[in-house]
Amino acid sequence: MGFDIYGKNPVIHNTKYPTFNKYSKMDWAEKNKLFNKDTKLQDKYWSESDKREEDNQGIYFRNNCWWWRPLWNYVCGSCEDILNDDDVDGGSFNGGHEITEEKASAIAKRLFKLIASGDAKGYEDYHRAESLKAQIENEGKDIGDDDYNWADDYPFSVDNVRQFATFCSESGGFEIC
């Protein structure tokens, strides 16, 4: 399970993806029928899709639940004056909550500022120390035991914050699915 974050009005830097553009509007049943017959076409389509997202970083951001939860917690704690209670709650589930373009831009500016100031790195170091402590505490325990420390299972990195900040700055607002 993961979180798929879609830009509402993303900045587009590059539109040159002939295979992706040709087949992207086709419904999945039709596309699967065609791609099952031609795996080279399928590979080219997905390669262009990945390249399109890489070139246009406001289109899509993804994290599995293990990466998303600490990132979203950091965003919420750092952007209390930007996000309201509905935004905080909406970002905790992949139910389609929308963040406006103004809020996305403000989040991006805040996150880039926190990265530049070293705050994000300090949080990463703190998070890593808590994870190491949890690893020690969890020795001999099974996941789900009453006294299992989940801090070991939720990674956090400045690079993930940077990628999300870039997405926010180019997303034109976003939807959390």
Protein backbone atom coordinates (compact mmCIF):
# COMPACT_ATOMS: atom_id res chain seq x y z
CA MET A 1 0.00 0.00 0.00
CA GLY A 2 1.25 3.44 -0.78
CA PHE A 3 0.41 7.03 -1.39
CA ASP A 4 0.12 8.37 -4.91
CA ILE A 5 0.21 12.15 -5.07
CA TYR A 6 -0.99 13.70 -8.33
CA GLY A 7 -0.30 17.27 -9.41
CA LYS A 8 -3.49 19.18 -10.23
CA ASN A 9 -1.91 21.61 -12.73
CA PRO A 10 1.73 20.56 -13.07
CA VAL A 11 4.47 22.53 -14.75
CA ILE A 12 5.38 20.70 -17.94
CA HIS A 13 9.00 21.02 -19.08
CA ASN A 14 9.04 18.32 -21.74
CA THR A 15 6.19 16.86 -23.81
CA LYS A 16 8.15 14.72 -26.30
CA TYR A 17 7.10 11.13 -25.56
CA PRO A 18 5.68 9.70 -28.80
CA THR A 19 4.74 6.24 -27.56
CA PHE A 20 3.37 7.44 -24.23
CA ASN A 21 1.39 10.26 -25.86
CA LYS A 22 -0.06 7.91 -28.49
CA TYR A 23 -1.30 5.27 -26.05
CA SER A 24 -1.87 7.16 -22.77
CA LYS A 25 -5.54 7.94 -23.50
CA MET A 26 -6.35 4.33 -24.44
CA ASP A 27 -8.40 2.46 -21.83
CA TRP A 28 -6.56 -0.20 -19.82
CA ALA A 29 -8.31 -3.21 -21.35
CA GLU A 30 -7.38 -2.10 -24.87
CA LYS A 31 -3.85 -1.16 -23.80
CA ASN A 32 -3.28 -4.49 -22.05
CA LYS A 33 -4.50 -6.42 -25.09
CA LEU A 34 -2.07 -4.50 -27.33
CA PHE A 35 0.84 -4.61 -24.86
CA ASN A 36 0.46 -8.34 -24.18
CA LYS A 37 1.09 -8.91 -27.88
CA ASP A 38 4.06 -6.54 -28.06
CA THR A 39 6.29 -6.45 -24.96
CA LYS A 40 8.77 -4.10 -26.66
CA LEU A 41 5.96 -1.58 -27.10
CA GLN A 42 4.96 -2.09 -23.49
CA ASP A 43 8.55 -1.53 -22.30
CA LYS A 44 8.86 1.60 -24.44
CA TYR A 45 5.56 2.97 -23.11
CA TRP A 46 6.56 2.47 -19.45
CA SER A 47 10.07 3.78 -20.06
CA GLU A 48 8.63 6.95 -21.59
CA SER A 49 6.11 7.22 -18.76
CA ASP A 50 8.92 7.09 -16.18
CA LYS A 51 10.99 9.61 -18.19
CA ARG A 52 7.96 11.91 -18.50
CA GLU A 53 7.50 11.92 -14.72
CA GLU A 54 11.24 12.47 -14.19
CA ASP A 55 11.29 15.42 -16.60
CA ASN A 56 8.05 16.89 -15.23
CA GLN A 57 8.33 16.42 -11.49
CA GLY A 58 5.02 18.09 -10.66
CA ILE A 59 2.98 15.34 -12.32
CA TYR A 60 3.37 12.58 -9.76
CA PHE A 61 5.01 11.76 -6.44
CA ARG A 62 4.84 8.39 -4.74
CA ASN A 63 5.84 6.94 -1.40
CA ASN A 64 4.92 3.65 0.18
CA CYS A 65 3.19 4.04 3.54
CA TRP A 66 6.47 3.49 5.43
CA TRP A 67 8.13 6.50 3.76
CA TRP A 68 5.02 8.69 3.50
CA ARG A 69 4.00 8.74 7.16
CA PRO A 70 7.24 10.28 8.52
CA LEU A 71 7.41 12.68 5.57
CA TRP A 72 3.82 13.83 6.07
CA ASN A 73 4.37 14.13 9.83
CA TYR A 74 7.39 16.35 9.14
CA VAL A 75 5.41 18.45 6.65
CA CYS A 76 2.52 18.84 9.10
CA GLY A 77 4.80 19.77 12.00
CA SER A 78 6.70 22.24 9.84
CA CYS A 79 3.68 23.76 8.14
CA GLU A 80 1.19 24.19 10.97
CA ASP A 81 0.44 27.71 9.77
CA ILE A 82 -0.20 26.51 6.19
CA LEU A 83 -2.25 23.34 6.68
CA ASN A 84 -5.59 23.15 8.45
CA ASP A 85 -6.89 20.14 10.40
CA ASP A 86 -8.66 18.73 7.33
CA ASP A 87 -5.40 18.88 5.35
CA VAL A 88 -3.46 17.15 8.12
CA ASP A 89 -6.07 14.39 8.40
CA GLY A 90 -6.54 14.15 4.62
CA GLY A 91 -2.82 13.57 4.10
CA SER A 92 -2.89 10.65 6.50
CA PHE A 93 -5.11 8.61 4.17
CA ASN A 94 -5.09 8.03 0.44
CA GLY A 95 -8.68 9.15 0.03
CA GLY A 96 -8.29 11.90 -2.57
CA HIS A 97 -7.75 14.92 -0.31
CA GLU A 98 -6.73 18.00 -2.28
CA ILE A 99 -4.14 20.61 -1.35
CA THR A 100 -4.52 23.92 -3.17
CA GLU A 101 -1.86 25.42 -5.42
CA GLU A 102 -1.26 28.19 -2.87
CA LYS A 103 -0.71 25.72 -0.05
CA ALA A 104 1.47 23.45 -2.22
CA SER A 105 3.66 26.42 -3.12
CA ALA A 106 3.91 27.50 0.53
CA ILE A 107 4.81 23.93 1.58
CA ALA A 108 7.54 23.80 -1.07
CA LYS A 109 9.04 27.13 0.04
CA ARG A 110 9.00 26.03 3.69
CA LEU A 111 10.57 22.65 2.96
CA PHE A 112 13.34 24.14 0.80
CA LYS A 113 14.04 26.62 3.60
CA LEU A 114 14.21 23.80 6.17
CA ILE A 115 16.56 21.82 3.94
CA ALA A 116 18.83 24.84 3.45
CA SER A 117 18.88 25.65 7.18
CA GLY A 118 19.84 22.09 8.15
CA ASP A 119 16.59 21.48 10.04
CA ALA A 120 15.61 18.58 7.75
CA LYS A 121 19.06 17.00 8.20
CA GLY A 122 18.74 17.37 11.97
CA TYR A 123 15.36 15.65 11.84
CA GLU A 124 16.83 12.89 9.64
CA ASP A 125 19.62 12.35 12.20
CA TYR A 126 17.11 12.27 15.07
CA HIS A 127 14.90 9.87 13.13
CA ARG A 128 17.86 7.59 12.36
CA ALA A 129 18.88 7.52 16.04
CA GLU A 130 15.33 6.59 17.05
CA SER A 131 15.34 3.85 14.41
CA LEU A 132 18.60 2.40 15.72
CA LYS A 133 17.24 2.47 19.25
CA ALA A 134 14.13 0.65 18.04
CA GLN A 135 16.25 -2.01 16.31
CA ILE A 136 17.92 -2.78 19.62
CA GLU A 137 14.62 -2.80 21.51
CA ASN A 138 13.04 -5.08 18.90
CA GLU A 139 15.67 -7.83 19.05
CA GLY A 140 13.88 -11.14 19.54
CA LYS A 141 10.43 -9.60 18.98
CA ASP A 142 8.02 -10.18 16.16
CA ILE A 143 6.37 -7.40 14.22
CA GLY A 144 3.06 -6.74 15.89
CA ASP A 145 4.06 -7.76 19.41
CA ASP A 146 2.51 -5.44 21.97
CA ASP A 147 5.87 -3.90 22.86
CA TYR A 148 7.23 -3.76 19.29
CA ASN A 149 8.77 -0.35 18.51
CA TRP A 150 7.56 0.71 15.06
CA ALA A 151 10.16 3.50 14.74
CA ASP A 152 12.47 1.00 13.06
CA ASP A 153 10.05 0.54 10.15
CA TYR A 154 9.46 4.15 9.06
CA PRO A 155 12.43 5.71 7.22
CA PHE A 156 13.02 9.43 6.71
CA SER A 157 15.52 11.23 4.50
CA VAL A 158 16.33 14.74 3.39
CA ASP A 159 16.38 13.48 -0.19
CA ASN A 160 12.73 12.39 0.11
CA VAL A 161 11.84 15.81 1.56
CA ARG A 162 13.66 17.49 -1.37
CA GLN A 163 11.83 15.36 -3.94
CA PHE A 164 8.49 16.17 -2.31
CA ALA A 165 9.33 19.89 -2.11
CA THR A 166 10.18 19.88 -5.82
CA PHE A 167 6.94 18.07 -6.59
CA CYS A 168 4.96 20.59 -4.49
CA SER A 169 6.62 23.54 -6.22
CA GLU A 170 5.70 22.23 -9.67
CA SER A 171 2.38 20.47 -8.95
CA GLY A 172 -0.10 23.33 -9.19
CA GLY A 173 -1.77 21.85 -6.12
CA PHE A 174 -2.15 18.15 -5.54
CA GLU A 175 -4.41 15.27 -4.67
CA ILE A 176 -3.42 12.55 -2.17
CA CYS A 177 -4.63 9.15 -3.36
